[in-house]
Amino acid sequence: MHVSVLPAVQISVTAALTMWMITGFTRLPGRWLRWKMFCRATFTIVTLTGTKDGRTEPVNVYDYLSPGSFILGPPQLQAIVSHLIGSGRYDRLDGHGRVLSVQGEQPVEVRDSHVVL
């Protein structure tokens, strides 16, 4: 190849690769972050309030996940809520948030210690 053609080819290949990588993270209908690591996972972002003997306090459910875990789906959220109620730590848990999954984003509520989608 001619010396002046090589930098042009390198720039073109770099630009094409960069565009391919950027479009890999764009939204598709019903999906967020198309990257395989994220598109099949279900994440729950929730704010909870625990009530015990008439007093309320914020509850961080992520403190109850196993170390290194960050994926919290509705079944895992219900298990944590049931554990907190069953252990006697709280009489009632309430809250709201959203679930991010392959179906898109949808609201989630915790009403009287039950997860409701």
PDB file of N, CA and C in Angstrom:
ATOM      1  N   MET A   1       0.825  -1.181   0.000  1.00  0.00           N
ATOM      2  CA  MET A   1       0.000   0.000   0.000  1.00  0.00           C
ATOM      3  C   MET A   1       0.866   1.240   0.000  1.00  0.00           C
ATOM      4  N   HIS A   2       0.345   2.252  -0.569  1.00  0.00           N
ATOM      5  CA  HIS A   2       1.040   3.535  -0.587  1.00  0.00           C
ATOM      6  C   HIS A   2       1.054   4.109   0.827  1.00  0.00           C
ATOM      7  N   VAL A   3       2.103   4.794   1.203  1.00  0.00           N
ATOM      8  CA  VAL A   3       2.316   5.306   2.551  1.00  0.00           C
ATOM      9  C   VAL A   3       1.184   6.239   2.994  1.00  0.00           C
ATOM     10  N   SER A   4       0.672   7.091   2.134  1.00  0.00           N
ATOM     11  CA  SER A   4      -0.368   8.044   2.526  1.00  0.00           C
ATOM     12  C   SER A   4      -1.747   7.386   2.638  1.00  0.00           C
ATOM     13  N   VAL A   5      -1.937   6.206   2.065  1.00  0.00           N
ATOM     14  CA  VAL A   5      -3.216   5.502   2.130  1.00  0.00           C
ATOM     15  C   VAL A   5      -3.379   4.804   3.480  1.00  0.00           C
ATOM     16  N   LEU A   6      -2.279   4.327   4.057  1.00  0.00           N
ATOM     17  CA  LEU A   6      -2.333   3.587   5.315  1.00  0.00           C
ATOM     18  C   LEU A   6      -2.969   4.365   6.458  1.00  0.00           C
ATOM     19  N   PRO A   7      -2.581   5.624   6.721  1.00  0.00           N
ATOM     20  CA  PRO A   7      -3.262   6.369   7.792  1.00  0.00           C
ATOM     21  C   PRO A   7      -4.755   6.564   7.513  1.00  0.00           C
ATOM     22  N   ALA A   8      -5.146   6.761   6.274  1.00  0.00           N
ATOM     23  CA  ALA A   8      -6.569   6.930   5.945  1.00  0.00           C
ATOM     24  C   ALA A   8      -7.341   5.654   6.230  1.00  0.00           C
ATOM     25  N   VAL A   9      -6.778   4.505   5.921  1.00  0.00           N
ATOM     26  CA  VAL A   9      -7.427   3.218   6.189  1.00  0.00           C
ATOM     27  C   VAL A   9      -7.531   3.005   7.704  1.00  0.00           C
ATOM     28  N   GLN A  10      -6.468   3.314   8.432  1.00  0.00           N
ATOM     29  CA  GLN A  10      -6.487   3.156   9.889  1.00  0.00           C
ATOM     30  C   GLN A  10      -7.558   4.053  10.519  1.00  0.00           C
ATOM     31  N   ILE A  11      -7.653   5.271  10.055  1.00  0.00           N
ATOM     32  CA  ILE A  11      -8.668   6.185  10.589  1.00  0.00           C
ATOM     33  C   ILE A  11     -10.066   5.674  10.267  1.00  0.00           C
ATOM     34  N   SER A  12     -10.280   5.180   9.066  1.00  0.00           N
ATOM     35  CA  SER A  12     -11.596   4.658   8.669  1.00  0.00           C
ATOM     36  C   SER A  12     -11.982   3.446   9.505  1.00  0.00           C
ATOM     37  N   VAL A  13     -11.047   2.523   9.689  1.00  0.00           N
ATOM     38  CA  VAL A  13     -11.324   1.326  10.489  1.00  0.00           C
ATOM     39  C   VAL A  13     -11.587   1.709  11.941  1.00  0.00           C
ATOM     40  N   THR A  14     -10.808   2.621  12.486  1.00  0.00           N
ATOM     41  CA  THR A  14     -11.009   3.077  13.867  1.00  0.00           C
ATOM     42  C   THR A  14     -12.371   3.740  14.029  1.00  0.00           C
ATOM     43  N   ALA A  15     -12.749   4.591  13.082  1.00  0.00           N
ATOM     44  CA  ALA A  15     -14.059   5.256  13.147  1.00  0.00           C
ATOM     45  C   ALA A  15     -15.193   4.248  13.039  1.00  0.00           C
ATOM     46  N   ALA A  16     -15.065   3.265  12.154  1.00  0.00           N
ATOM     47  CA  ALA A  16     -16.110   2.246  12.006  1.00  0.00           C
ATOM     48  C   ALA A  16     -16.239   1.417  13.280  1.00  0.00           C
ATOM     49  N   LEU A  17     -15.123   1.024  13.859  1.00  0.00           N
ATOM     50  CA  LEU A  17     -15.148   0.247  15.102  1.00  0.00           C
ATOM     51  C   LEU A  17     -15.750   1.058  16.241  1.00  0.00           C
ATOM     52  N   THR A  18     -15.396   2.321  16.335  1.00  0.00           N
ATOM     53  CA  THR A  18     -15.938   3.197  17.373  1.00  0.00           C
ATOM     54  C   THR A  18     -17.446   3.342  17.225  1.00  0.00           C
ATOM     55  N   MET A  19     -17.930   3.548  16.026  1.00  0.00           N
ATOM     56  CA  MET A  19     -19.383   3.670  15.796  1.00  0.00           C
ATOM     57  C   MET A  19     -20.105   2.363  16.140  1.00  0.00           C
ATOM     58  N   TRP A  20     -19.505   1.244  15.791  1.00  0.00           N
ATOM     59  CA  TRP A  20     -20.112  -0.052  16.108  1.00  0.00           C
ATOM     60  C   TRP A  20     -20.215  -0.238  17.615  1.00  0.00           C
ATOM     61  N   MET A  21     -19.186   0.158  18.345  1.00  0.00           N
ATOM     62  CA  MET A  21     -19.203   0.034  19.800  1.00  0.00           C
ATOM     63  C   MET A  21     -20.232   0.975  20.420  1.00  0.00           C
ATOM     64  N   ILE A  22     -20.347   2.192  19.911  1.00  0.00           N
ATOM     65  CA  ILE A  22     -21.311   3.156  20.446  1.00  0.00           C
ATOM     66  C   ILE A  22     -22.737   2.679  20.200  1.00  0.00           C
ATOM     67  N   THR A  23     -23.027   2.189  19.015  1.00  0.00           N
ATOM     68  CA  THR A  23     -24.396   1.733  18.725  1.00  0.00           C
ATOM     69  C   THR A  23     -24.742   0.464  19.489  1.00  0.00           C
ATOM     70  N   GLY A  24     -23.756  -0.252  19.990  1.00  0.00           N
ATOM     71  CA  GLY A  24     -24.029  -1.432  20.812  1.00  0.00           C
ATOM     72  C   GLY A  24     -24.674  -1.080  22.138  1.00  0.00           C
ATOM     73  N   PHE A  25     -24.585   0.177  22.560  1.00  0.00           N
ATOM     74  CA  PHE A  25     -25.166   0.607  23.823  1.00  0.00           C
ATOM     75  C   PHE A  25     -26.412   1.473  23.637  1.00  0.00           C
ATOM     76  N   THR A  26     -26.911   1.572  22.432  1.00  0.00           N
ATOM     77  CA  THR A  26     -28.108   2.388  22.206  1.00  0.00           C
ATOM     78  C   THR A  26     -29.358   1.614  22.563  1.00  0.00           C
ATOM     79  N   ARG A  27     -30.446   2.331  22.718  1.00  0.00           N
ATOM     80  CA  ARG A  27     -31.704   1.730  23.128  1.00  0.00           C
ATOM     81  C   ARG A  27     -32.394   1.059  21.950  1.00  0.00           C
ATOM     82  N   LEU A  28     -32.993  -0.055  22.221  1.00  0.00           N
ATOM     83  CA  LEU A  28     -33.901  -0.723  21.303  1.00  0.00           C
ATOM     84  C   LEU A  28     -35.267  -0.705  21.972  1.00  0.00           C
ATOM     85  N   PRO A  29     -36.340  -0.826  21.219  1.00  0.00           N
ATOM     86  CA  PRO A  29     -37.658  -0.866  21.861  1.00  0.00           C
ATOM     87  C   PRO A  29     -37.719  -2.003  22.890  1.00  0.00           C
ATOM     88  N   GLY A  30     -38.033  -1.654  24.125  1.00  0.00           N
ATOM     89  CA  GLY A  30     -38.158  -2.654  25.181  1.00  0.00           C
ATOM     90  C   GLY A  30     -36.857  -3.098  25.786  1.00  0.00           C
ATOM     91  N   ARG A  31     -35.746  -2.535  25.391  1.00  0.00           N
ATOM     92  CA  ARG A  31     -34.455  -2.942  25.946  1.00  0.00           C
ATOM     93  C   ARG A  31     -33.648  -1.719  26.321  1.00  0.00           C
ATOM     94  N   TRP A  32     -32.757  -1.893  27.247  1.00  0.00           N
ATOM     95  CA  TRP A  32     -31.832  -0.839  27.621  1.00  0.00           C
ATOM     96  C   TRP A  32     -30.466  -1.496  27.692  1.00  0.00           C
ATOM     97  N   LEU A  33     -29.468  -0.800  27.295  1.00  0.00           N
ATOM     98  CA  LEU A  33     -28.103  -1.326  27.244  1.00  0.00           C
ATOM     99  C   LEU A  33     -28.059  -2.700  26.572  1.00  0.00           C
ATOM    100  N   ARG A  34     -28.037  -2.737  25.272  1.00  0.00           N
ATOM    101  CA  ARG A  34     -28.092  -3.980  24.511  1.00  0.00           C
ATOM    102  C   ARG A  34     -26.951  -4.926  24.805  1.00  0.00           C
ATOM    103  N   TRP A  35     -25.937  -4.499  25.476  1.00  0.00           N
ATOM    104  CA  TRP A  35     -24.810  -5.357  25.772  1.00  0.00           C
ATOM    105  C   TRP A  35     -25.321  -6.597  26.490  1.00  0.00           C
ATOM    106  N   LYS A  36     -24.857  -7.779  26.106  1.00  0.00           N
ATOM    107  CA  LYS A  36     -25.405  -9.032  26.626  1.00  0.00           C
ATOM    108  C   LYS A  36     -25.365  -9.135  28.143  1.00  0.00           C
ATOM    109  N   MET A  37     -24.375  -8.555  28.759  1.00  0.00           N
ATOM    110  CA  MET A  37     -24.298  -8.626  30.215  1.00  0.00           C
ATOM    111  C   MET A  37     -25.517  -7.973  30.870  1.00  0.00           C
ATOM    112  N   PHE A  38     -26.060  -6.932  30.244  1.00  0.00           N
ATOM    113  CA  PHE A  38     -27.152  -6.192  30.854  1.00  0.00           C
ATOM    114  C   PHE A  38     -28.528  -6.548  30.291  1.00  0.00           C
ATOM    115  N   CYS A  39     -28.630  -6.934  29.044  1.00  0.00           N
ATOM    116  CA  CYS A  39     -29.953  -7.038  28.421  1.00  0.00           C
ATOM    117  C   CYS A  39     -30.786  -8.182  28.969  1.00  0.00           C
ATOM    118  N   ARG A  40     -30.208  -9.157  29.639  1.00  0.00           N
ATOM    119  CA  ARG A  40     -30.976 -10.266  30.190  1.00  0.00           C
ATOM    120  C   ARG A  40     -31.153 -10.160  31.713  1.00  0.00           C
ATOM    121  N   ALA A  41     -30.519  -9.190  32.311  1.00  0.00           N
ATOM    122  CA  ALA A  41     -30.595  -9.017  33.763  1.00  0.00           C
ATOM    123  C   ALA A  41     -31.822  -8.200  34.143  1.00  0.00           C
ATOM    124  N   THR A  42     -32.247  -8.355  35.382  1.00  0.00           N
ATOM    125  CA  THR A  42     -33.348  -7.565  35.932  1.00  0.00           C
ATOM    126  C   THR A  42     -32.822  -6.816  37.146  1.00  0.00           C
ATOM    127  N   PHE A  43     -32.927  -5.513  37.098  1.00  0.00           N
ATOM    128  CA  PHE A  43     -32.455  -4.663  38.181  1.00  0.00           C
ATOM    129  C   PHE A  43     -33.656  -3.983  38.834  1.00  0.00           C
ATOM    130  N   THR A  44     -33.646  -3.877  40.130  1.00  0.00           N
ATOM    131  CA  THR A  44     -34.689  -3.156  40.853  1.00  0.00           C
ATOM    132  C   THR A  44     -34.036  -2.009  41.606  1.00  0.00           C
ATOM    133  N   ILE A  45     -34.551  -0.828  41.382  1.00  0.00           N
ATOM    134  CA  ILE A  45     -34.095   0.353  42.107  1.00  0.00           C
ATOM    135  C   ILE A  45     -35.274   0.767  42.970  1.00  0.00           C
ATOM    136  N   VAL A  46     -35.110   0.687  44.283  1.00  0.00           N
ATOM    137  CA  VAL A  46     -36.248   0.890  45.172  1.00  0.00           C
ATOM    138  C   VAL A  46     -35.835   1.688  46.402  1.00  0.00           C
ATOM    139  N   THR A  47     -36.767   2.485  46.891  1.00  0.00           N
ATOM    140  CA  THR A  47     -36.603   3.228  48.130  1.00  0.00           C
ATOM    141  C   THR A  47     -37.613   2.670  49.119  1.00  0.00           C
ATOM    142  N   LEU A  48     -37.134   2.159  50.243  1.00  0.00           N
ATOM    143  CA  LEU A  48     -38.022   1.542  51.233  1.00  0.00           C
ATOM    144  C   LEU A  48     -38.000   2.304  52.551  1.00  0.00           C
ATOM    145  N   THR A  49     -39.125   2.227  53.243  1.00  0.00           N
ATOM    146  CA  THR A  49     -39.260   2.770  54.590  1.00  0.00           C
ATOM    147  C   THR A  49     -39.769   1.653  55.486  1.00  0.00           C
ATOM    148  N   GLY A  50     -39.048   1.401  56.570  1.00  0.00           N
ATOM    149  CA  GLY A  50     -39.448   0.384  57.521  1.00  0.00           C
ATOM    150  C   GLY A  50     -40.111   1.001  58.733  1.00  0.00           C
ATOM    151  N   THR A  51     -41.170   0.345  59.223  1.00  0.00           N
ATOM    152  CA  THR A  51     -41.899   0.826  60.398  1.00  0.00           C
ATOM    153  C   THR A  51     -41.779  -0.210  61.509  1.00  0.00           C
ATOM    154  N   LYS A  52     -41.369   0.239  62.670  1.00  0.00           N
ATOM    155  CA  LYS A  52     -41.274  -0.625  63.851  1.00  0.00           C
ATOM    156  C   LYS A  52     -41.764   0.177  65.047  1.00  0.00           C
ATOM    157  N   ASP A  53     -42.811  -0.306  65.698  1.00  0.00           N
ATOM    158  CA  ASP A  53     -43.394   0.337  66.877  1.00  0.00           C
ATOM    159  C   ASP A  53     -43.764   1.793  66.614  1.00  0.00           C
ATOM    160  N   GLY A  54     -44.295   2.061  65.424  1.00  0.00           N
ATOM    161  CA  GLY A  54     -44.741   3.408  65.077  1.00  0.00           C
ATOM    162  C   GLY A  54     -43.651   4.342  64.577  1.00  0.00           C
ATOM    163  N   ARG A  55     -42.406   3.931  64.652  1.00  0.00           N
ATOM    164  CA  ARG A  55     -41.298   4.756  64.147  1.00  0.00           C
ATOM    165  C   ARG A  55     -40.895   4.270  62.763  1.00  0.00           C
ATOM    166  N   THR A  56     -40.565   5.212  61.892  1.00  0.00           N
ATOM    167  CA  THR A  56     -40.149   4.843  60.542  1.00  0.00           C
ATOM    168  C   THR A  56     -38.692   5.232  60.315  1.00  0.00           C
ATOM    169  N   GLU A  57     -38.050   4.452  59.457  1.00  0.00           N
ATOM    170  CA  GLU A  57     -36.668   4.742  59.081  1.00  0.00           C
ATOM    171  C   GLU A  57     -36.423   4.195  57.682  1.00  0.00           C
ATOM    172  N   PRO A  58     -35.492   4.814  56.948  1.00  0.00           N
ATOM    173  CA  PRO A  58     -35.174   4.305  55.615  1.00  0.00           C
ATOM    174  C   PRO A  58     -34.465   2.954  55.709  1.00  0.00           C
ATOM    175  N   VAL A  59     -34.726   2.103  54.719  1.00  0.00           N
ATOM    176  CA  VAL A  59     -34.137   0.762  54.682  1.00  0.00           C
ATOM    177  C   VAL A  59     -33.357   0.621  53.380  1.00  0.00           C
ATOM    178  N   ASN A  60     -32.115   0.206  53.479  1.00  0.00           N
ATOM    179  CA  ASN A  60     -31.296  -0.053  52.299  1.00  0.00           C
ATOM    180  C   ASN A  60     -31.281  -1.563  52.039  1.00  0.00           C
ATOM    181  N   VAL A  61     -32.086  -2.014  51.072  1.00  0.00           N
ATOM    182  CA  VAL A  61     -32.176  -3.453  50.797  1.00  0.00           C
ATOM    183  C   VAL A  61     -30.872  -3.999  50.238  1.00  0.00           C
ATOM    184  N   TYR A  62     -30.048  -3.143  49.671  1.00  0.00           N
ATOM    185  CA  TYR A  62     -28.805  -3.605  49.071  1.00  0.00           C
ATOM    186  C   TYR A  62     -27.803  -4.066  50.129  1.00  0.00           C
ATOM    187  N   ASP A  63     -28.007  -3.656  51.388  1.00  0.00           N
ATOM    188  CA  ASP A  63     -27.169  -4.156  52.478  1.00  0.00           C
ATOM    189  C   ASP A  63     -27.403  -5.644  52.724  1.00  0.00           C
ATOM    190  N   TYR A  64     -28.522  -6.177  52.270  1.00  0.00           N
ATOM    191  CA  TYR A  64     -28.883  -7.561  52.529  1.00  0.00           C
ATOM    192  C   TYR A  64     -28.569  -8.484  51.353  1.00  0.00           C
ATOM    193  N   LEU A  65     -27.977  -7.965  50.289  1.00  0.00           N
ATOM    194  CA  LEU A  65     -27.534  -8.803  49.176  1.00  0.00           C
ATOM    195  C   LEU A  65     -26.201  -9.436  49.526  1.00  0.00           C
ATOM    196  N   SER A  66     -25.903 -10.567  48.909  1.00  0.00           N
ATOM    197  CA  SER A  66     -24.617 -11.195  49.162  1.00  0.00           C
ATOM    198  C   SER A  66     -23.492 -10.315  48.612  1.00  0.00           C
ATOM    199  N   PRO A  67     -22.312 -10.387  49.206  1.00  0.00           N
ATOM    200  CA  PRO A  67     -21.193  -9.534  48.785  1.00  0.00           C
ATOM    201  C   PRO A  67     -20.901  -9.703  47.292  1.00  0.00           C
ATOM    202  N   GLY A  68     -20.709  -8.581  46.611  1.00  0.00           N
ATOM    203  CA  GLY A  68     -20.405  -8.594  45.195  1.00  0.00           C
ATOM    204  C   GLY A  68     -21.620  -8.657  44.297  1.00  0.00           C
ATOM    205  N   SER A  69     -22.790  -8.857  44.879  1.00  0.00           N
ATOM    206  CA  SER A  69     -24.012  -8.942  44.083  1.00  0.00           C
ATOM    207  C   SER A  69     -24.640  -7.566  43.954  1.00  0.00           C
ATOM    208  N   PHE A  70     -25.157  -7.266  42.777  1.00  0.00           N
ATOM    209  CA  PHE A  70     -25.827  -5.987  42.574  1.00  0.00           C
ATOM    210  C   PHE A  70     -27.137  -6.153  41.833  1.00  0.00           C
ATOM    211  N   ILE A  71     -27.451  -7.365  41.393  1.00  0.00           N
ATOM    212  CA  ILE A  71     -28.686  -7.595  40.651  1.00  0.00           C
ATOM    213  C   ILE A  71     -29.774  -7.995  41.645  1.00  0.00           C
ATOM    214  N   LEU A  72     -30.821  -7.191  41.678  1.00  0.00           N
ATOM    215  CA  LEU A  72     -31.924  -7.408  42.598  1.00  0.00           C
ATOM    216  C   LEU A  72     -33.215  -7.421  41.793  1.00  0.00           C
ATOM    217  N   GLY A  73     -33.806  -8.583  41.632  1.00  0.00           N
ATOM    218  CA  GLY A  73     -35.083  -8.705  40.939  1.00  0.00           C
ATOM    219  C   GLY A  73     -36.223  -8.686  41.937  1.00  0.00           C
ATOM    220  N   PRO A  74     -37.473  -8.604  41.462  1.00  0.00           N
ATOM    221  CA  PRO A  74     -38.620  -8.607  42.373  1.00  0.00           C
ATOM    222  C   PRO A  74     -38.679  -9.822  43.308  1.00  0.00           C
ATOM    223  N   PRO A  75     -38.363 -11.060  42.848  1.00  0.00           N
ATOM    224  CA  PRO A  75     -38.396 -12.181  43.802  1.00  0.00           C
ATOM    225  C   PRO A  75     -37.369 -12.037  44.929  1.00  0.00           C
ATOM    226  N   GLN A  76     -36.180 -11.555  44.594  1.00  0.00           N
ATOM    227  CA  GLN A  76     -35.159 -11.346  45.623  1.00  0.00           C
ATOM    228  C   GLN A  76     -35.564 -10.223  46.566  1.00  0.00           C
ATOM    229  N   LEU A  77     -36.185  -9.181  46.024  1.00  0.00           N
ATOM    230  CA  LEU A  77     -36.678  -8.085  46.865  1.00  0.00           C
ATOM    231  C   LEU A  77     -37.728  -8.604  47.841  1.00  0.00           C
ATOM    232  N   GLN A  78     -38.654  -9.440  47.360  1.00  0.00           N
ATOM    233  CA  GLN A  78     -39.681  -9.997  48.242  1.00  0.00           C
ATOM    234  C   GLN A  78     -39.049 -10.882  49.308  1.00  0.00           C
ATOM    235  N   ALA A  79     -38.015 -11.638  48.954  1.00  0.00           N
ATOM    236  CA  ALA A  79     -37.334 -12.485  49.942  1.00  0.00           C
ATOM    237  C   ALA A  79     -36.686 -11.642  51.038  1.00  0.00           C
ATOM    238  N   ILE A  80     -36.062 -10.537  50.661  1.00  0.00           N
ATOM    239  CA  ILE A  80     -35.438  -9.655  51.653  1.00  0.00           C
ATOM    240  C   ILE A  80     -36.494  -9.005  52.531  1.00  0.00           C
ATOM    241  N   VAL A  81     -37.590  -8.538  51.922  1.00  0.00           N
ATOM    242  CA  VAL A  81     -38.681  -7.924  52.684  1.00  0.00           C
ATOM    243  C   VAL A  81     -39.262  -8.950  53.668  1.00  0.00           C
ATOM    244  N   SER A  82     -39.491 -10.177  53.206  1.00  0.00           N
ATOM    245  CA  SER A  82     -40.033 -11.231  54.083  1.00  0.00           C
ATOM    246  C   SER A  82     -39.069 -11.540  55.222  1.00  0.00           C
ATOM    247  N   HIS A  83     -37.777 -11.548  54.938  1.00  0.00           N
ATOM    248  CA  HIS A  83     -36.776 -11.791  55.983  1.00  0.00           C
ATOM    249  C   HIS A  83     -36.805 -10.686  57.037  1.00  0.00           C
ATOM    250  N   LEU A  84     -36.880  -9.433  56.596  1.00  0.00           N
ATOM    251  CA  LEU A  84     -36.890  -8.319  57.546  1.00  0.00           C
ATOM    252  C   LEU A  84     -38.145  -8.324  58.414  1.00  0.00           C
ATOM    253  N   ILE A  85     -39.278  -8.721  57.845  1.00  0.00           N
ATOM    254  CA  ILE A  85     -40.517  -8.808  58.620  1.00  0.00           C
ATOM    255  C   ILE A  85     -40.473 -10.029  59.541  1.00  0.00           C
ATOM    256  N   GLY A  86     -40.042 -11.180  58.974  1.00  0.00           N
ATOM    257  CA  GLY A  86     -39.993 -12.422  59.760  1.00  0.00           C
ATOM    258  C   GLY A  86     -39.011 -12.373  60.915  1.00  0.00           C
ATOM    259  N   SER A  87     -37.918 -11.638  60.751  1.00  0.00           N
ATOM    260  CA  SER A  87     -36.917 -11.540  61.819  1.00  0.00           C
ATOM    261  C   SER A  87     -37.346 -10.581  62.925  1.00  0.00           C
ATOM    262  N   GLY A  88     -38.442  -9.846  62.698  1.00  0.00           N
ATOM    263  CA  GLY A  88     -38.929  -8.913  63.705  1.00  0.00           C
ATOM    264  C   GLY A  88     -38.246  -7.557  63.661  1.00  0.00           C
ATOM    265  N   ARG A  89     -37.397  -7.356  62.685  1.00  0.00           N
ATOM    266  CA  ARG A  89     -36.702  -6.064  62.598  1.00  0.00           C
ATOM    267  C   ARG A  89     -37.681  -4.936  62.301  1.00  0.00           C
ATOM    268  N   TYR A  90     -38.683  -5.215  61.452  1.00  0.00           N
ATOM    269  CA  TYR A  90     -39.717  -4.228  61.117  1.00  0.00           C
ATOM    270  C   TYR A  90     -41.087  -4.880  61.192  1.00  0.00           C
ATOM    271  N   ASP A  91     -42.090  -4.054  61.499  1.00  0.00           N
ATOM    272  CA  ASP A  91     -43.470  -4.526  61.481  1.00  0.00           C
ATOM    273  C   ASP A  91     -44.060  -4.422  60.077  1.00  0.00           C
ATOM    274  N   ARG A  92     -43.545  -3.465  59.318  1.00  0.00           N
ATOM    275  CA  ARG A  92     -44.101  -3.204  57.988  1.00  0.00           C
ATOM    276  C   ARG A  92     -43.046  -2.501  57.138  1.00  0.00           C
ATOM    277  N   LEU A  93     -43.045  -2.800  55.829  1.00  0.00           N
ATOM    278  CA  LEU A  93     -42.169  -2.119  54.880  1.00  0.00           C
ATOM    279  C   LEU A  93     -43.008  -1.573  53.741  1.00  0.00           C
ATOM    280  N   ASP A  94     -42.718  -0.357  53.335  1.00  0.00           N
ATOM    281  CA  ASP A  94     -43.396   0.277  52.215  1.00  0.00           C
ATOM    282  C   ASP A  94     -42.345   0.995  51.374  1.00  0.00           C
ATOM    283  N   GLY A  95     -42.643   1.156  50.083  1.00  0.00           N
ATOM    284  CA  GLY A  95     -41.718   1.875  49.223  1.00  0.00           C
ATOM    285  C   GLY A  95     -42.152   1.866  47.779  1.00  0.00           C
ATOM    286  N   HIS A  96     -41.310   2.457  46.967  1.00  0.00           N
ATOM    287  CA  HIS A  96     -41.591   2.530  45.536  1.00  0.00           C
ATOM    288  C   HIS A  96     -40.272   2.577  44.773  1.00  0.00           C
ATOM    289  N   GLY A  97     -40.349   2.269  43.498  1.00  0.00           N
ATOM    290  CA  GLY A  97     -39.157   2.301  42.659  1.00  0.00           C
ATOM    291  C   GLY A  97     -39.491   1.860  41.256  1.00  0.00           C
ATOM    292  N   ARG A  98     -38.495   1.278  40.584  1.00  0.00           N
ATOM    293  CA  ARG A  98     -38.727   0.807  39.223  1.00  0.00           C
ATOM    294  C   ARG A  98     -37.889  -0.437  38.967  1.00  0.00           C
ATOM    295  N   VAL A  99     -38.357  -1.225  38.018  1.00  0.00           N
ATOM    296  CA  VAL A  99     -37.682  -2.443  37.606  1.00  0.00           C
ATOM    297  C   VAL A  99     -37.199  -2.236  36.182  1.00  0.00           C
ATOM    298  N   LEU A 100     -35.931  -2.508  35.942  1.00  0.00           N
ATOM    299  CA  LEU A 100     -35.350  -2.411  34.608  1.00  0.00           C
ATOM    300  C   LEU A 100     -35.054  -3.829  34.134  1.00  0.00           C
ATOM    301  N   SER A 101     -35.637  -4.200  32.998  1.00  0.00           N
ATOM    302  CA  SER A 101     -35.444  -5.558  32.482  1.00  0.00           C
ATOM    303  C   SER A 101     -35.522  -5.546  30.971  1.00  0.00           C
ATOM    304  N   VAL A 102     -35.515  -6.727  30.392  1.00  0.00           N
ATOM    305  CA  VAL A 102     -35.600  -6.854  28.944  1.00  0.00           C
ATOM    306  C   VAL A 102     -36.936  -6.311  28.420  1.00  0.00           C
ATOM    307  N   GLN A 103     -37.957  -6.272  29.261  1.00  0.00           N
ATOM    308  CA  GLN A 103     -39.249  -5.700  28.879  1.00  0.00           C
ATOM    309  C   GLN A 103     -39.272  -4.174  28.987  1.00  0.00           C
ATOM    310  N   GLY A 104     -38.202  -3.581  29.418  1.00  0.00           N
ATOM    311  CA  GLY A 104     -38.140  -2.136  29.582  1.00  0.00           C
ATOM    312  C   GLY A 104     -38.227  -1.755  31.046  1.00  0.00           C
ATOM    313  N   GLU A 105     -38.694  -0.558  31.301  1.00  0.00           N
ATOM    314  CA  GLU A 105     -38.787  -0.034  32.659  1.00  0.00           C
ATOM    315  C   GLU A 105     -40.238  -0.044  33.105  1.00  0.00           C
ATOM    316  N   GLN A 106     -40.477  -0.536  34.315  1.00  0.00           N
ATOM    317  CA  GLN A 106     -41.836  -0.523  34.857  1.00  0.00           C
ATOM    318  C   GLN A 106     -41.789  -0.197  36.341  1.00  0.00           C
ATOM    319  N   PRO A 107     -42.853   0.424  36.853  1.00  0.00           N
ATOM    320  CA  PRO A 107     -42.863   0.795  38.272  1.00  0.00           C
ATOM    321  C   PRO A 107     -43.042  -0.430  39.169  1.00  0.00           C
ATOM    322  N   VAL A 108     -42.517  -0.337  40.377  1.00  0.00           N
ATOM    323  CA  VAL A 108     -42.704  -1.375  41.389  1.00  0.00           C
ATOM    324  C   VAL A 108     -43.002  -0.672  42.708  1.00  0.00           C
ATOM    325  N   GLU A 109     -43.869  -1.281  43.493  1.00  0.00           N
ATOM    326  CA  GLU A 109     -44.195  -0.744  44.814  1.00  0.00           C
ATOM    327  C   GLU A 109     -44.083  -1.851  45.844  1.00  0.00           C
ATOM    328  N   VAL A 110     -43.763  -1.460  47.043  1.00  0.00           N
ATOM    329  CA  VAL A 110     -43.840  -2.363  48.188  1.00  0.00           C
ATOM    330  C   VAL A 110     -44.926  -1.787  49.070  1.00  0.00           C
ATOM    331  N   ARG A 111     -46.043  -2.516  49.142  1.00  0.00           N
ATOM    332  CA  ARG A 111     -47.192  -2.072  49.940  1.00  0.00           C
ATOM    333  C   ARG A 111     -47.455  -3.093  51.036  1.00  0.00           C
ATOM    334  N   ASP A 112     -47.451  -2.645  52.249  1.00  0.00           N
ATOM    335  CA  ASP A 112     -47.691  -3.520  53.396  1.00  0.00           C
ATOM    336  C   ASP A 112     -46.848  -4.785  53.309  1.00  0.00           C
ATOM    337  N   SER A 113     -45.574  -4.609  53.001  1.00  0.00           N
ATOM    338  CA  SER A 113     -44.565  -5.680  52.947  1.00  0.00           C
ATOM    339  C   SER A 113     -44.749  -6.667  51.803  1.00  0.00           C
ATOM    340  N   HIS A 114     -45.443  -6.277  50.744  1.00  0.00           N
ATOM    341  CA  HIS A 114     -45.620  -7.121  49.572  1.00  0.00           C
ATOM    342  C   HIS A 114     -45.160  -6.353  48.325  1.00  0.00           C
ATOM    343  N   VAL A 115     -44.348  -7.005  47.499  1.00  0.00           N
ATOM    344  CA  VAL A 115     -43.860  -6.399  46.265  1.00  0.00           C
ATOM    345  C   VAL A 115     -44.953  -6.486  45.214  1.00  0.00           C
ATOM    346  N   VAL A 116     -45.311  -5.346  44.634  1.00  0.00           N
ATOM    347  CA  VAL A 116     -46.393  -5.265  43.649  1.00  0.00           C
ATOM    348  C   VAL A 116     -45.835  -4.612  42.388  1.00  0.00           C
ATOM    349  N   LEU A 117     -45.930  -5.332  41.278  1.00  0.00           N
ATOM    350  CA  LEU A 117     -45.488  -4.760  39.990  1.00  0.00           C
ATOM    351  C   LEU A 117     -46.624  -4.068  39.312  1.00  0.00           C
TER     352      LEU A 117
END
